[in-house]
Amino acid sequence: MLYLGVLLSLGVCVPMAVGVFLLLSSQTWRKIIGVLVLGNATNVFLVLGGFRHYDTREPNVVLTKLSRAPFVNLNTVDTGLSDPLSQALVLTAIVIGFAVLAIMLAYWLEEISEGKEGQDQT
C-alpha cells in the first residue's frame, strides 16, 4: 500500500525536478516553461503545507484525513480546518507568477524580433 504522504511528495518533487531541468536549458522558451512548472510546484507545496493532521488516535500517520476549508462549517472547533495563510500565499504567488510570465514572454518576443533566439549570450 502506497501512503498518501508519498504520493503527495512525488506530486511536488517531480514537477520541481522537471522545472529545474527546464531552467538549466539554453533555449528561452524552455526556461519560461521551467519557471511556470516550478512556480506551480511551489504553489502545490504551499497548499499541502496548509493541511493539518487532526487524527489524534494515530499520531504517526501523516494526512490520514484531509482538512477542510475554514469557511465550511463555522460552528465547529478548530479541528480539521486547513490553514488560510498558505492559501493566501498561493493566491499572491499566482498573481506574481502571471506578472513574471508576462515579462518573460515580452523578453522572449523581443529576442525573436531581433533575431537573437538561440544565440549564446556571451
PDB file of N, CA and C in Angstrom:
ATOM      1  N   MET A   1       0.842  -1.181   0.000  1.00  0.00           N
ATOM      2  CA  MET A   1       0.000   0.000   0.000  1.00  0.00           C
ATOM      3  C   MET A   1       0.884   1.239   0.000  1.00  0.00           C
ATOM      4  N   LEU A   2       0.612   2.132  -0.914  1.00  0.00           N
ATOM      5  CA  LEU A   2       1.379   3.365  -1.016  1.00  0.00           C
ATOM      6  C   LEU A   2       0.693   4.438  -0.174  1.00  0.00           C
ATOM      7  N   TYR A   3       1.446   5.049   0.699  1.00  0.00           N
ATOM      8  CA  TYR A   3       0.871   6.040   1.606  1.00  0.00           C
ATOM      9  C   TYR A   3       0.559   7.332   0.876  1.00  0.00           C
ATOM     10  N   LEU A   4      -0.411   8.049   1.398  1.00  0.00           N
ATOM     11  CA  LEU A   4      -0.826   9.309   0.803  1.00  0.00           C
ATOM     12  C   LEU A   4       0.286  10.345   0.855  1.00  0.00           C
ATOM     13  N   GLY A   5       1.075  10.318   1.920  1.00  0.00           N
ATOM     14  CA  GLY A   5       2.181  11.264   2.026  1.00  0.00           C
ATOM     15  C   GLY A   5       3.228  11.071   0.946  1.00  0.00           C
ATOM     16  N   VAL A   6       3.484   9.821   0.566  1.00  0.00           N
ATOM     17  CA  VAL A   6       4.449   9.544  -0.506  1.00  0.00           C
ATOM     18  C   VAL A   6       3.915  10.053  -1.835  1.00  0.00           C
ATOM     19  N   LEU A   7       2.641   9.822  -2.096  1.00  0.00           N
ATOM     20  CA  LEU A   7       2.050  10.307  -3.347  1.00  0.00           C
ATOM     21  C   LEU A   7       2.067  11.833  -3.424  1.00  0.00           C
ATOM     22  N   LEU A   8       1.759  12.490  -2.316  1.00  0.00           N
ATOM     23  CA  LEU A   8       1.772  13.948  -2.317  1.00  0.00           C
ATOM     24  C   LEU A   8       3.193  14.488  -2.472  1.00  0.00           C
ATOM     25  N   SER A   9       4.163  13.800  -1.874  1.00  0.00           N
ATOM     26  CA  SER A   9       5.554  14.219  -2.021  1.00  0.00           C
ATOM     27  C   SER A   9       6.021  14.068  -3.462  1.00  0.00           C
ATOM     28  N   LEU A  10       5.645  12.957  -4.093  1.00  0.00           N
ATOM     29  CA  LEU A  10       6.000  12.783  -5.506  1.00  0.00           C
ATOM     30  C   LEU A  10       5.310  13.821  -6.387  1.00  0.00           C
ATOM     31  N   GLY A  11       4.095  14.185  -6.003  1.00  0.00           N
ATOM     32  CA  GLY A  11       3.367  15.198  -6.761  1.00  0.00           C
ATOM     33  C   GLY A  11       3.994  16.574  -6.685  1.00  0.00           C
ATOM     34  N   VAL A  12       4.840  16.799  -5.703  1.00  0.00           N
ATOM     35  CA  VAL A  12       5.550  18.071  -5.588  1.00  0.00           C
ATOM     36  C   VAL A  12       6.963  17.950  -6.143  1.00  0.00           C
ATOM     37  N   CYS A  13       7.652  16.869  -5.806  1.00  0.00           N
ATOM     38  CA  CYS A  13       9.068  16.739  -6.164  1.00  0.00           C
ATOM     39  C   CYS A  13       9.292  16.535  -7.661  1.00  0.00           C
ATOM     40  N   VAL A  14       8.438  15.766  -8.309  1.00  0.00           N
ATOM     41  CA  VAL A  14       8.624  15.517  -9.744  1.00  0.00           C
ATOM     42  C   VAL A  14       8.464  16.802 -10.562  1.00  0.00           C
ATOM     43  N   PRO A  15       7.414  17.600 -10.362  1.00  0.00           N
ATOM     44  CA  PRO A  15       7.347  18.858 -11.116  1.00  0.00           C
ATOM     45  C   PRO A  15       8.482  19.831 -10.773  1.00  0.00           C
ATOM     46  N   MET A  16       8.944  19.819  -9.519  1.00  0.00           N
ATOM     47  CA  MET A  16      10.078  20.693  -9.189  1.00  0.00           C
ATOM     48  C   MET A  16      11.332  20.256  -9.934  1.00  0.00           C
ATOM     49  N   ALA A  17      11.553  18.960 -10.024  1.00  0.00           N
ATOM     50  CA  ALA A  17      12.719  18.458 -10.757  1.00  0.00           C
ATOM     51  C   ALA A  17      12.610  18.781 -12.243  1.00  0.00           C
ATOM     52  N   VAL A  18      11.421  18.643 -12.805  1.00  0.00           N
ATOM     53  CA  VAL A  18      11.216  18.983 -14.218  1.00  0.00           C
ATOM     54  C   VAL A  18      11.436  20.473 -14.443  1.00  0.00           C
ATOM     55  N   GLY A  19      10.946  21.301 -13.527  1.00  0.00           N
ATOM     56  CA  GLY A  19      11.138  22.749 -13.656  1.00  0.00           C
ATOM     57  C   GLY A  19      12.591  23.156 -13.584  1.00  0.00           C
ATOM     58  N   VAL A  20      13.352  22.554 -12.679  1.00  0.00           N
ATOM     59  CA  VAL A  20      14.785  22.867 -12.586  1.00  0.00           C
ATOM     60  C   VAL A  20      15.512  22.389 -13.829  1.00  0.00           C
ATOM     61  N   PHE A  21      15.145  21.214 -14.329  1.00  0.00           N
ATOM     62  CA  PHE A  21      15.766  20.698 -15.553  1.00  0.00           C
ATOM     63  C   PHE A  21      15.518  21.633 -16.726  1.00  0.00           C
ATOM     64  N   LEU A  22      14.287  22.127 -16.849  1.00  0.00           N
ATOM     65  CA  LEU A  22      13.985  23.045 -17.943  1.00  0.00           C
ATOM     66  C   LEU A  22      14.662  24.400 -17.759  1.00  0.00           C
ATOM     67  N   LEU A  23      14.845  24.834 -16.524  1.00  0.00           N
ATOM     68  CA  LEU A  23      15.542  26.101 -16.280  1.00  0.00           C
ATOM     69  C   LEU A  23      17.002  26.041 -16.690  1.00  0.00           C
ATOM     70  N   LEU A  24      17.599  24.871 -16.636  1.00  0.00           N
ATOM     71  CA  LEU A  24      19.001  24.724 -16.997  1.00  0.00           C
ATOM     72  C   LEU A  24      19.220  24.619 -18.502  1.00  0.00           C
ATOM     73  N   SER A  25      18.164  24.664 -19.277  1.00  0.00           N
ATOM     74  CA  SER A  25      18.264  24.586 -20.723  1.00  0.00           C
ATOM     75  C   SER A  25      18.799  25.904 -21.285  1.00  0.00           C
ATOM     76  N   SER A  26      19.282  25.838 -22.516  1.00  0.00           N
ATOM     77  CA  SER A  26      19.822  27.050 -23.136  1.00  0.00           C
ATOM     78  C   SER A  26      18.772  27.812 -23.943  1.00  0.00           C
ATOM     79  N   GLN A  27      17.643  27.194 -24.226  1.00  0.00           N
ATOM     80  CA  GLN A  27      16.609  27.849 -25.019  1.00  0.00           C
ATOM     81  C   GLN A  27      15.670  28.638 -24.101  1.00  0.00           C
ATOM     82  N   THR A  28      15.283  29.814 -24.557  1.00  0.00           N
ATOM     83  CA  THR A  28      14.485  30.712 -23.730  1.00  0.00           C
ATOM     84  C   THR A  28      13.092  30.165 -23.473  1.00  0.00           C
ATOM     85  N   TRP A  29      12.455  29.567 -24.464  1.00  0.00           N
ATOM     86  CA  TRP A  29      11.095  29.081 -24.271  1.00  0.00           C
ATOM     87  C   TRP A  29      11.065  27.934 -23.273  1.00  0.00           C
ATOM     88  N   ARG A  30      12.120  27.127 -23.200  1.00  0.00           N
ATOM     89  CA  ARG A  30      12.184  26.065 -22.198  1.00  0.00           C
ATOM     90  C   ARG A  30      12.371  26.665 -20.795  1.00  0.00           C
ATOM     91  N   LYS A  31      13.114  27.743 -20.717  1.00  0.00           N
ATOM     92  CA  LYS A  31      13.269  28.409 -19.426  1.00  0.00           C
ATOM     93  C   LYS A  31      11.946  28.983 -18.943  1.00  0.00           C
ATOM     94  N   ILE A  32      11.155  29.522 -19.863  1.00  0.00           N
ATOM     95  CA  ILE A  32       9.854  30.072 -19.493  1.00  0.00           C
ATOM     96  C   ILE A  32       8.941  28.960 -18.976  1.00  0.00           C
ATOM     97  N   ILE A  33       8.915  27.835 -19.665  1.00  0.00           N
ATOM     98  CA  ILE A  33       8.106  26.705 -19.216  1.00  0.00           C
ATOM     99  C   ILE A  33       8.625  26.181 -17.886  1.00  0.00           C
ATOM    100  N   GLY A  34       9.943  26.175 -17.700  1.00  0.00           N
ATOM    101  CA  GLY A  34      10.524  25.739 -16.437  1.00  0.00           C
ATOM    102  C   GLY A  34      10.114  26.616 -15.270  1.00  0.00           C
ATOM    103  N   VAL A  35      10.068  27.924 -15.496  1.00  0.00           N
ATOM    104  CA  VAL A  35       9.628  28.844 -14.438  1.00  0.00           C
ATOM    105  C   VAL A  35       8.160  28.593 -14.096  1.00  0.00           C
ATOM    106  N   LEU A  36       7.337  28.350 -15.115  1.00  0.00           N
ATOM    107  CA  LEU A  36       5.923  28.069 -14.865  1.00  0.00           C
ATOM    108  C   LEU A  36       5.731  26.777 -14.076  1.00  0.00           C
ATOM    109  N   VAL A  37       6.430  25.722 -14.480  1.00  0.00           N
ATOM    110  CA  VAL A  37       6.287  24.433 -13.796  1.00  0.00           C
ATOM    111  C   VAL A  37       6.808  24.529 -12.364  1.00  0.00           C
ATOM    112  N   LEU A  38       7.936  25.198 -12.187  1.00  0.00           N
ATOM    113  CA  LEU A  38       8.496  25.349 -10.846  1.00  0.00           C
ATOM    114  C   LEU A  38       7.591  26.195  -9.952  1.00  0.00           C
ATOM    115  N   GLY A  39       6.989  27.228 -10.512  1.00  0.00           N
ATOM    116  CA  GLY A  39       6.062  28.051  -9.743  1.00  0.00           C
ATOM    117  C   GLY A  39       4.815  27.284  -9.332  1.00  0.00           C
ATOM    118  N   ASN A  40       4.290  26.472 -10.241  1.00  0.00           N
ATOM    119  CA  ASN A  40       3.107  25.681  -9.903  1.00  0.00           C
ATOM    120  C   ASN A  40       3.432  24.617  -8.864  1.00  0.00           C
ATOM    121  N   ALA A  41       4.608  24.003  -8.959  1.00  0.00           N
ATOM    122  CA  ALA A  41       5.002  23.009  -7.959  1.00  0.00           C
ATOM    123  C   ALA A  41       5.173  23.661  -6.585  1.00  0.00           C
ATOM    124  N   THR A  42       5.697  24.865  -6.568  1.00  0.00           N
ATOM    125  CA  THR A  42       5.833  25.587  -5.305  1.00  0.00           C
ATOM    126  C   THR A  42       4.465  25.928  -4.718  1.00  0.00           C
ATOM    127  N   ASN A  43       3.510  26.293  -5.573  1.00  0.00           N
ATOM    128  CA  ASN A  43       2.153  26.574  -5.098  1.00  0.00           C
ATOM    129  C   ASN A  43       1.508  25.329  -4.496  1.00  0.00           C
ATOM    130  N   VAL A  44       1.705  24.187  -5.148  1.00  0.00           N
ATOM    131  CA  VAL A  44       1.168  22.936  -4.600  1.00  0.00           C
ATOM    132  C   VAL A  44       1.821  22.626  -3.257  1.00  0.00           C
ATOM    133  N   PHE A  45       3.118  22.884  -3.149  1.00  0.00           N
ATOM    134  CA  PHE A  45       3.825  22.668  -1.883  1.00  0.00           C
ATOM    135  C   PHE A  45       3.253  23.550  -0.779  1.00  0.00           C
ATOM    136  N   LEU A  46       2.958  24.808  -1.103  1.00  0.00           N
ATOM    137  CA  LEU A  46       2.392  25.708  -0.099  1.00  0.00           C
ATOM    138  C   LEU A  46       0.989  25.283   0.324  1.00  0.00           C
ATOM    139  N   VAL A  47       0.182  24.821  -0.632  1.00  0.00           N
ATOM    140  CA  VAL A  47      -1.160  24.366  -0.285  1.00  0.00           C
ATOM    141  C   VAL A  47      -1.086  23.119   0.590  1.00  0.00           C
ATOM    142  N   LEU A  48      -0.196  22.194   0.249  1.00  0.00           N
ATOM    143  CA  LEU A  48      -0.049  20.984   1.061  1.00  0.00           C
ATOM    144  C   LEU A  48       0.496  21.310   2.444  1.00  0.00           C
ATOM    145  N   GLY A  49       1.257  22.373   2.560  1.00  0.00           N
ATOM    146  CA  GLY A  49       1.746  22.785   3.873  1.00  0.00           C
ATOM    147  C   GLY A  49       0.646  23.306   4.773  1.00  0.00           C
ATOM    148  N   GLY A  50      -0.481  23.713   4.197  1.00  0.00           N
ATOM    149  CA  GLY A  50      -1.595  24.204   4.983  1.00  0.00           C
ATOM    150  C   GLY A  50      -2.485  23.118   5.534  1.00  0.00           C
ATOM    151  N   PHE A  51      -2.291  21.876   5.064  1.00  0.00           N
ATOM    152  CA  PHE A  51      -3.091  20.774   5.612  1.00  0.00           C
ATOM    153  C   PHE A  51      -2.663  20.482   7.028  1.00  0.00           C
ATOM    154  N   ARG A  52      -3.617  20.149   7.855  1.00  0.00           N
ATOM    155  CA  ARG A  52      -3.323  19.822   9.259  1.00  0.00           C
ATOM    156  C   ARG A  52      -3.721  18.385   9.529  1.00  0.00           C
ATOM    157  N   HIS A  53      -2.896  17.723  10.278  1.00  0.00           N
ATOM    158  CA  HIS A  53      -3.205  16.362  10.704  1.00  0.00           C
ATOM    159  C   HIS A  53      -3.997  16.451  11.996  1.00  0.00           C
ATOM    160  N   TYR A  54      -5.196  15.917  11.994  1.00  0.00           N
ATOM    161  CA  TYR A  54      -6.019  16.060  13.179  1.00  0.00           C
ATOM    162  C   TYR A  54      -6.533  14.722  13.708  1.00  0.00           C
ATOM    163  N   ASP A  55      -5.938  13.610  13.292  1.00  0.00           N
ATOM    164  CA  ASP A  55      -6.333  12.312  13.824  1.00  0.00           C
ATOM    165  C   ASP A  55      -5.457  12.014  15.032  1.00  0.00           C
ATOM    166  N   THR A  56      -6.007  12.164  16.221  1.00  0.00           N
ATOM    167  CA  THR A  56      -5.205  12.011  17.440  1.00  0.00           C
ATOM    168  C   THR A  56      -4.992  10.552  17.816  1.00  0.00           C
ATOM    169  N   ARG A  57      -5.747   9.639  17.233  1.00  0.00           N
ATOM    170  CA  ARG A  57      -5.579   8.223  17.573  1.00  0.00           C
ATOM    171  C   ARG A  57      -4.328   7.637  16.927  1.00  0.00           C
ATOM    172  N   GLU A  58      -3.935   8.139  15.762  1.00  0.00           N
ATOM    173  CA  GLU A  58      -2.766   7.630  15.052  1.00  0.00           C
ATOM    174  C   GLU A  58      -1.812   8.785  14.782  1.00  0.00           C
ATOM    175  N   PRO A  59      -0.965   9.142  15.727  1.00  0.00           N
ATOM    176  CA  PRO A  59      -0.121  10.326  15.541  1.00  0.00           C
ATOM    177  C   PRO A  59       1.009  10.108  14.536  1.00  0.00           C
ATOM    178  N   ASN A  60       1.361   8.871  14.212  1.00  0.00           N
ATOM    179  CA  ASN A  60       2.476   8.631  13.290  1.00  0.00           C
ATOM    180  C   ASN A  60       2.050   8.610  11.830  1.00  0.00           C
ATOM    181  N   VAL A  61       0.767   8.548  11.564  1.00  0.00           N
ATOM    182  CA  VAL A  61       0.276   8.524  10.190  1.00  0.00           C
ATOM    183  C   VAL A  61      -0.003   9.956   9.761  1.00  0.00           C
ATOM    184  N   VAL A  62       0.656  10.378   8.707  1.00  0.00           N
ATOM    185  CA  VAL A  62       0.513  11.755   8.248  1.00  0.00           C
ATOM    186  C   VAL A  62      -0.629  11.835   7.242  1.00  0.00           C
ATOM    187  N   LEU A  63      -1.459  12.829   7.379  1.00  0.00           N
ATOM    188  CA  LEU A  63      -2.559  13.122   6.462  1.00  0.00           C
ATOM    189  C   LEU A  63      -3.504  11.944   6.292  1.00  0.00           C
ATOM    190  N   THR A  64      -3.980  11.378   7.379  1.00  0.00           N
ATOM    191  CA  THR A  64      -4.966  10.311   7.258  1.00  0.00           C
ATOM    192  C   THR A  64      -6.308  10.868   6.806  1.00  0.00           C
ATOM    193  N   LYS A  65      -6.626  12.057   7.231  1.00  0.00           N
ATOM    194  CA  LYS A  65      -7.834  12.740   6.774  1.00  0.00           C
ATOM    195  C   LYS A  65      -7.420  14.119   6.291  1.00  0.00           C
ATOM    196  N   LEU A  66      -7.902  14.518   5.139  1.00  0.00           N
ATOM    197  CA  LEU A  66      -7.561  15.838   4.636  1.00  0.00           C
ATOM    198  C   LEU A  66      -8.393  16.893   5.350  1.00  0.00           C
ATOM    199  N   SER A  67      -7.801  18.032   5.576  1.00  0.00           N
ATOM    200  CA  SER A  67      -8.501  19.097   6.283  1.00  0.00           C
ATOM    201  C   SER A  67      -9.435  19.842   5.336  1.00  0.00           C
ATOM    202  N   ARG A  68     -10.370  20.550   5.915  1.00  0.00           N
ATOM    203  CA  ARG A  68     -11.372  21.286   5.151  1.00  0.00           C
ATOM    204  C   ARG A  68     -11.012  22.765   5.105  1.00  0.00           C
ATOM    205  N   ALA A  69     -11.670  23.448   4.221  1.00  0.00           N
ATOM    206  CA  ALA A  69     -11.517  24.900   4.166  1.00  0.00           C
ATOM    207  C   ALA A  69     -12.141  25.512   5.421  1.00  0.00           C
ATOM    208  N   PRO A  70     -11.605  26.630   5.925  1.00  0.00           N
ATOM    209  CA  PRO A  70     -12.081  27.201   7.187  1.00  0.00           C
ATOM    210  C   PRO A  70     -13.519  27.706   7.159  1.00  0.00           C
ATOM    211  N   PHE A  71     -14.107  27.936   6.020  1.00  0.00           N
ATOM    212  CA  PHE A  71     -15.450  28.510   5.963  1.00  0.00           C
ATOM    213  C   PHE A  71     -16.539  27.463   5.772  1.00  0.00           C
ATOM    214  N   VAL A  72     -16.203  26.175   5.804  1.00  0.00           N
ATOM    215  CA  VAL A  72     -17.199  25.135   5.549  1.00  0.00           C
ATOM    216  C   VAL A  72     -18.263  25.100   6.635  1.00  0.00           C
ATOM    217  N   ASN A  73     -17.830  25.019   7.893  1.00  0.00           N
ATOM    218  CA  ASN A  73     -18.779  24.995   9.000  1.00  0.00           C
ATOM    219  C   ASN A  73     -18.189  25.848  10.124  1.00  0.00           C
ATOM    220  N   LEU A  74     -18.759  26.987  10.333  1.00  0.00           N
ATOM    221  CA  LEU A  74     -18.192  27.925  11.294  1.00  0.00           C
ATOM    222  C   LEU A  74     -18.527  27.586  12.739  1.00  0.00           C
ATOM    223  N   ASN A  75     -19.414  26.622  12.976  1.00  0.00           N
ATOM    224  CA  ASN A  75     -19.814  26.291  14.332  1.00  0.00           C
ATOM    225  C   ASN A  75     -18.930  25.225  14.976  1.00  0.00           C
ATOM    226  N   THR A  76     -17.974  24.685  14.258  1.00  0.00           N
ATOM    227  CA  THR A  76     -17.123  23.637  14.808  1.00  0.00           C
ATOM    228  C   THR A  76     -15.906  24.236  15.491  1.00  0.00           C
ATOM    229  N   VAL A  77     -15.253  23.402  16.268  1.00  0.00           N
ATOM    230  CA  VAL A  77     -14.000  23.806  16.895  1.00  0.00           C
ATOM    231  C   VAL A  77     -12.918  23.742  15.813  1.00  0.00           C
ATOM    232  N   ASP A  78     -11.718  24.188  16.098  1.00  0.00           N
ATOM    233  CA  ASP A  78     -10.639  24.322  15.125  1.00  0.00           C
ATOM    234  C   ASP A  78     -10.064  22.977  14.661  1.00  0.00           C
ATOM    235  N   THR A  79     -10.755  21.887  14.787  1.00  0.00           N
ATOM    236  CA  THR A  79     -10.217  20.603  14.346  1.00  0.00           C
ATOM    237  C   THR A  79     -10.585  20.377  12.895  1.00  0.00           C
ATOM    238  N   GLY A  80      -9.615  20.002  12.123  1.00  0.00           N
ATOM    239  CA  GLY A  80      -9.867  19.642  10.737  1.00  0.00           C
ATOM    240  C   GLY A  80      -9.940  20.782   9.764  1.00  0.00           C
ATOM    241  N   LEU A  81      -9.521  21.961  10.165  1.00  0.00           N
ATOM    242  CA  LEU A  81      -9.554  23.101   9.258  1.00  0.00           C
ATOM    243  C   LEU A  81      -8.166  23.347   8.692  1.00  0.00           C
ATOM    244  N   SER A  82      -8.111  23.678   7.429  1.00  0.00           N
ATOM    245  CA  SER A  82      -6.818  23.985   6.825  1.00  0.00           C
ATOM    246  C   SER A  82      -6.392  25.404   7.173  1.00  0.00           C
ATOM    247  N   ASP A  83      -5.108  25.681   6.995  1.00  0.00           N
ATOM    248  CA  ASP A  83      -4.553  26.978   7.347  1.00  0.00           C
ATOM    249  C   ASP A  83      -4.841  27.978   6.228  1.00  0.00           C
ATOM    250  N   PRO A  84      -5.555  29.057   6.478  1.00  0.00           N
ATOM    251  CA  PRO A  84      -5.864  30.002   5.406  1.00  0.00           C
ATOM    252  C   PRO A  84      -4.657  30.849   4.981  1.00  0.00           C
ATOM    253  N   LEU A  85      -3.614  30.900   5.798  1.00  0.00           N
ATOM    254  CA  LEU A  85      -2.445  31.695   5.422  1.00  0.00           C
ATOM    255  C   LEU A  85      -1.754  31.114   4.197  1.00  0.00           C
ATOM    256  N   SER A  86      -1.643  29.797   4.126  1.00  0.00           N
ATOM    257  CA  SER A  86      -0.998  29.192   2.958  1.00  0.00           C
ATOM    258  C   SER A  86      -1.834  29.425   1.703  1.00  0.00           C
ATOM    259  N   GLN A  87      -3.145  29.434   1.839  1.00  0.00           N
ATOM    260  CA  GLN A  87      -3.986  29.702   0.681  1.00  0.00           C
ATOM    261  C   GLN A  87      -3.844  31.146   0.210  1.00  0.00           C
ATOM    262  N   ALA A  88      -3.686  32.074   1.135  1.00  0.00           N
ATOM    263  CA  ALA A  88      -3.458  33.474   0.766  1.00  0.00           C
ATOM    264  C   ALA A  88      -2.103  33.646   0.089  1.00  0.00           C
ATOM    265  N   LEU A  89      -1.103  32.919   0.587  1.00  0.00           N
ATOM    266  CA  LEU A  89       0.211  32.975  -0.050  1.00  0.00           C
ATOM    267  C   LEU A  89       0.165  32.434  -1.473  1.00  0.00           C
ATOM    268  N   VAL A  90      -0.606  31.384  -1.697  1.00  0.00           N
ATOM    269  CA  VAL A  90      -0.719  30.818  -3.044  1.00  0.00           C
ATOM    270  C   VAL A  90      -1.424  31.791  -3.977  1.00  0.00           C
ATOM    271  N   LEU A  91      -2.468  32.472  -3.504  1.00  0.00           N
ATOM    272  CA  LEU A  91      -3.132  33.463  -4.351  1.00  0.00           C
ATOM    273  C   LEU A  91      -2.177  34.587  -4.742  1.00  0.00           C
ATOM    274  N   THR A  92      -1.362  35.022  -3.802  1.00  0.00           N
ATOM    275  CA  THR A  92      -0.364  36.049  -4.103  1.00  0.00           C
ATOM    276  C   THR A  92       0.680  35.524  -5.082  1.00  0.00           C
ATOM    277  N   ALA A  93       1.101  34.278  -4.903  1.00  0.00           N
ATOM    278  CA  ALA A  93       2.100  33.697  -5.792  1.00  0.00           C
ATOM    279  C   ALA A  93       1.564  33.516  -7.206  1.00  0.00           C
ATOM    280  N   ILE A  94       0.283  33.230  -7.337  1.00  0.00           N
ATOM    281  CA  ILE A  94      -0.303  33.106  -8.675  1.00  0.00           C
ATOM    282  C   ILE A  94      -0.281  34.447  -9.404  1.00  0.00           C
ATOM    283  N   VAL A  95      -0.624  35.513  -8.714  1.00  0.00           N
ATOM    284  CA  VAL A  95      -0.606  36.841  -9.330  1.00  0.00           C
ATOM    285  C   VAL A  95       0.815  37.231  -9.720  1.00  0.00           C
ATOM    286  N   ILE A  96       1.767  36.990  -8.840  1.00  0.00           N
ATOM    287  CA  ILE A  96       3.165  37.303  -9.153  1.00  0.00           C
ATOM    288  C   ILE A  96       3.661  36.432 -10.299  1.00  0.00           C
ATOM    289  N   GLY A  97       3.217  35.177 -10.345  1.00  0.00           N
ATOM    290  CA  GLY A  97       3.604  34.285 -11.440  1.00  0.00           C
ATOM    291  C   GLY A  97       3.109  34.780 -12.790  1.00  0.00           C
ATOM    292  N   PHE A  98       1.880  35.311 -12.831  1.00  0.00           N
ATOM    293  CA  PHE A  98       1.375  35.880 -14.084  1.00  0.00           C
ATOM    294  C   PHE A  98       2.199  37.093 -14.510  1.00  0.00           C
ATOM    295  N   ALA A  99       2.608  37.921 -13.564  1.00  0.00           N
ATOM    296  CA  ALA A  99       3.423  39.089 -13.903  1.00  0.00           C
ATOM    297  C   ALA A  99       4.790  38.668 -14.429  1.00  0.00           C
ATOM    298  N   VAL A 100       5.392  37.682 -13.791  1.00  0.00           N
ATOM    299  CA  VAL A 100       6.691  37.191 -14.249  1.00  0.00           C
ATOM    300  C   VAL A 100       6.562  36.567 -15.627  1.00  0.00           C
ATOM    301  N   LEU A 101       5.472  35.828 -15.864  1.00  0.00           N
ATOM    302  CA  LEU A 101       5.241  35.230 -17.180  1.00  0.00           C
ATOM    303  C   LEU A 101       5.114  36.303 -18.258  1.00  0.00           C
ATOM    304  N   ALA A 102       4.403  37.376 -17.964  1.00  0.00           N
ATOM    305  CA  ALA A 102       4.239  38.450 -18.944  1.00  0.00           C
ATOM    306  C   ALA A 102       5.585  39.102 -19.273  1.00  0.00           C
ATOM    307  N   ILE A 103       6.413  39.330 -18.265  1.00  0.00           N
ATOM    308  CA  ILE A 103       7.726  39.933 -18.506  1.00  0.00           C
ATOM    309  C   ILE A 103       8.614  38.999 -19.310  1.00  0.00           C
ATOM    310  N   MET A 104       8.592  37.705 -18.969  1.00  0.00           N
ATOM    311  CA  MET A 104       9.429  36.745 -19.696  1.00  0.00           C
ATOM    312  C   MET A 104       8.965  36.574 -21.136  1.00  0.00           C
ATOM    313  N   LEU A 105       7.660  36.579 -21.365  1.00  0.00           N
ATOM    314  CA  LEU A 105       7.171  36.477 -22.741  1.00  0.00           C
ATOM    315  C   LEU A 105       7.525  37.724 -23.554  1.00  0.00           C
ATOM    316  N   ALA A 106       7.474  38.893 -22.935  1.00  0.00           N
ATOM    317  CA  ALA A 106       7.869  40.113 -23.634  1.00  0.00           C
ATOM    318  C   ALA A 106       9.352  40.066 -23.994  1.00  0.00           C
ATOM    319  N   TYR A 107      10.167  39.564 -23.072  1.00  0.00           N
ATOM    320  CA  TYR A 107      11.600  39.427 -23.350  1.00  0.00           C
ATOM    321  C   TYR A 107      11.835  38.432 -24.474  1.00  0.00           C
ATOM    322  N   TRP A 108      11.104  37.325 -24.473  1.00  0.00           N
ATOM    323  CA  TRP A 108      11.270  36.303 -25.498  1.00  0.00           C
ATOM    324  C   TRP A 108      10.833  36.832 -26.865  1.00  0.00           C
ATOM    325  N   LEU A 109       9.724  37.574 -26.904  1.00  0.00           N
ATOM    326  CA  LEU A 109       9.277  38.149 -28.178  1.00  0.00           C
ATOM    327  C   LEU A 109      10.264  39.182 -28.692  1.00  0.00           C
ATOM    328  N   GLU A 110      10.904  39.916 -27.802  1.00  0.00           N
ATOM    329  CA  GLU A 110      11.933  40.871 -28.225  1.00  0.00           C
ATOM    330  C   GLU A 110      13.138  40.137 -28.797  1.00  0.00           C
ATOM    331  N   GLU A 111      13.500  39.013 -28.185  1.00  0.00           N
ATOM    332  CA  GLU A 111      14.603  38.204 -28.709  1.00  0.00           C
ATOM    333  C   GLU A 111      14.285  37.671 -30.095  1.00  0.00           C
ATOM    334  N   ILE A 112      13.063  37.227 -30.285  1.00  0.00           N
ATOM    335  CA  ILE A 112      12.672  36.678 -31.587  1.00  0.00           C
ATOM    336  C   ILE A 112      12.679  37.774 -32.647  1.00  0.00           C
ATOM    337  N   SER A 113      12.170  38.960 -32.318  1.00  0.00           N
ATOM    338  CA  SER A 113      12.106  40.046 -33.309  1.00  0.00           C
ATOM    339  C   SER A 113      13.489  40.570 -33.682  1.00  0.00           C
ATOM    340  N   GLU A 114      14.441  40.487 -32.760  1.00  0.00           N
ATOM    341  CA  GLU A 114      15.791  40.938 -33.059  1.00  0.00           C
ATOM    342  C   GLU A 114      16.657  39.827 -33.649  1.00  0.00           C
ATOM    343  N   GLY A 115      16.152  38.625 -33.703  1.00  0.00           N
ATOM    344  CA  GLY A 115      16.903  37.518 -34.286  1.00  0.00           C
ATOM    345  C   GLY A 115      17.966  36.945 -33.367  1.00  0.00           C
ATOM    346  N   LYS A 116      17.857  37.149 -32.072  1.00  0.00           N
ATOM    347  CA  LYS A 116      18.848  36.651 -31.120  1.00  0.00           C
ATOM    348  C   LYS A 116      18.467  35.315 -30.504  1.00  0.00           C
ATOM    349  N   GLU A 117      17.349  34.750 -30.901  1.00  0.00           N
ATOM    350  CA  GLU A 117      16.874  33.493 -30.313  1.00  0.00           C
ATOM    351  C   GLU A 117      17.843  32.366 -30.662  1.00  0.00           C
ATOM    352  N   GLY A 118      18.304  31.673 -29.655  1.00  0.00           N
ATOM    353  CA  GLY A 118      19.190  30.538 -29.850  1.00  0.00           C
ATOM    354  C   GLY A 118      20.666  30.893 -29.887  1.00  0.00           C
ATOM    355  N   GLN A 119      21.008  32.175 -29.832  1.00  0.00           N
ATOM    356  CA  GLN A 119      22.408  32.563 -29.835  1.00  0.00           C
ATOM    357  C   GLN A 119      22.946  32.582 -28.411  1.00  0.00           C
ATOM    358  N   ASP A 120      24.252  32.423 -28.294  1.00  0.00           N
ATOM    359  CA  ASP A 120      24.869  32.487 -26.968  1.00  0.00           C
ATOM    360  C   ASP A 120      24.843  33.916 -26.457  1.00  0.00           C
ATOM    361  N   GLN A 121      24.763  34.054 -25.148  1.00  0.00           N
ATOM    362  CA  GLN A 121      24.695  35.370 -24.525  1.00  0.00           C
ATOM    363  C   GLN A 121      26.066  35.880 -24.108  1.00  0.00           C
ATOM    364  N   THR A 122      27.101  35.559 -24.848  1.00  0.00           N
ATOM    365  CA  THR A 122      28.453  35.985 -24.494  1.00  0.00           C
ATOM    366  C   THR A 122      28.787  37.340 -25.058  1.00  0.00           C
TER     367      THR A 122
END
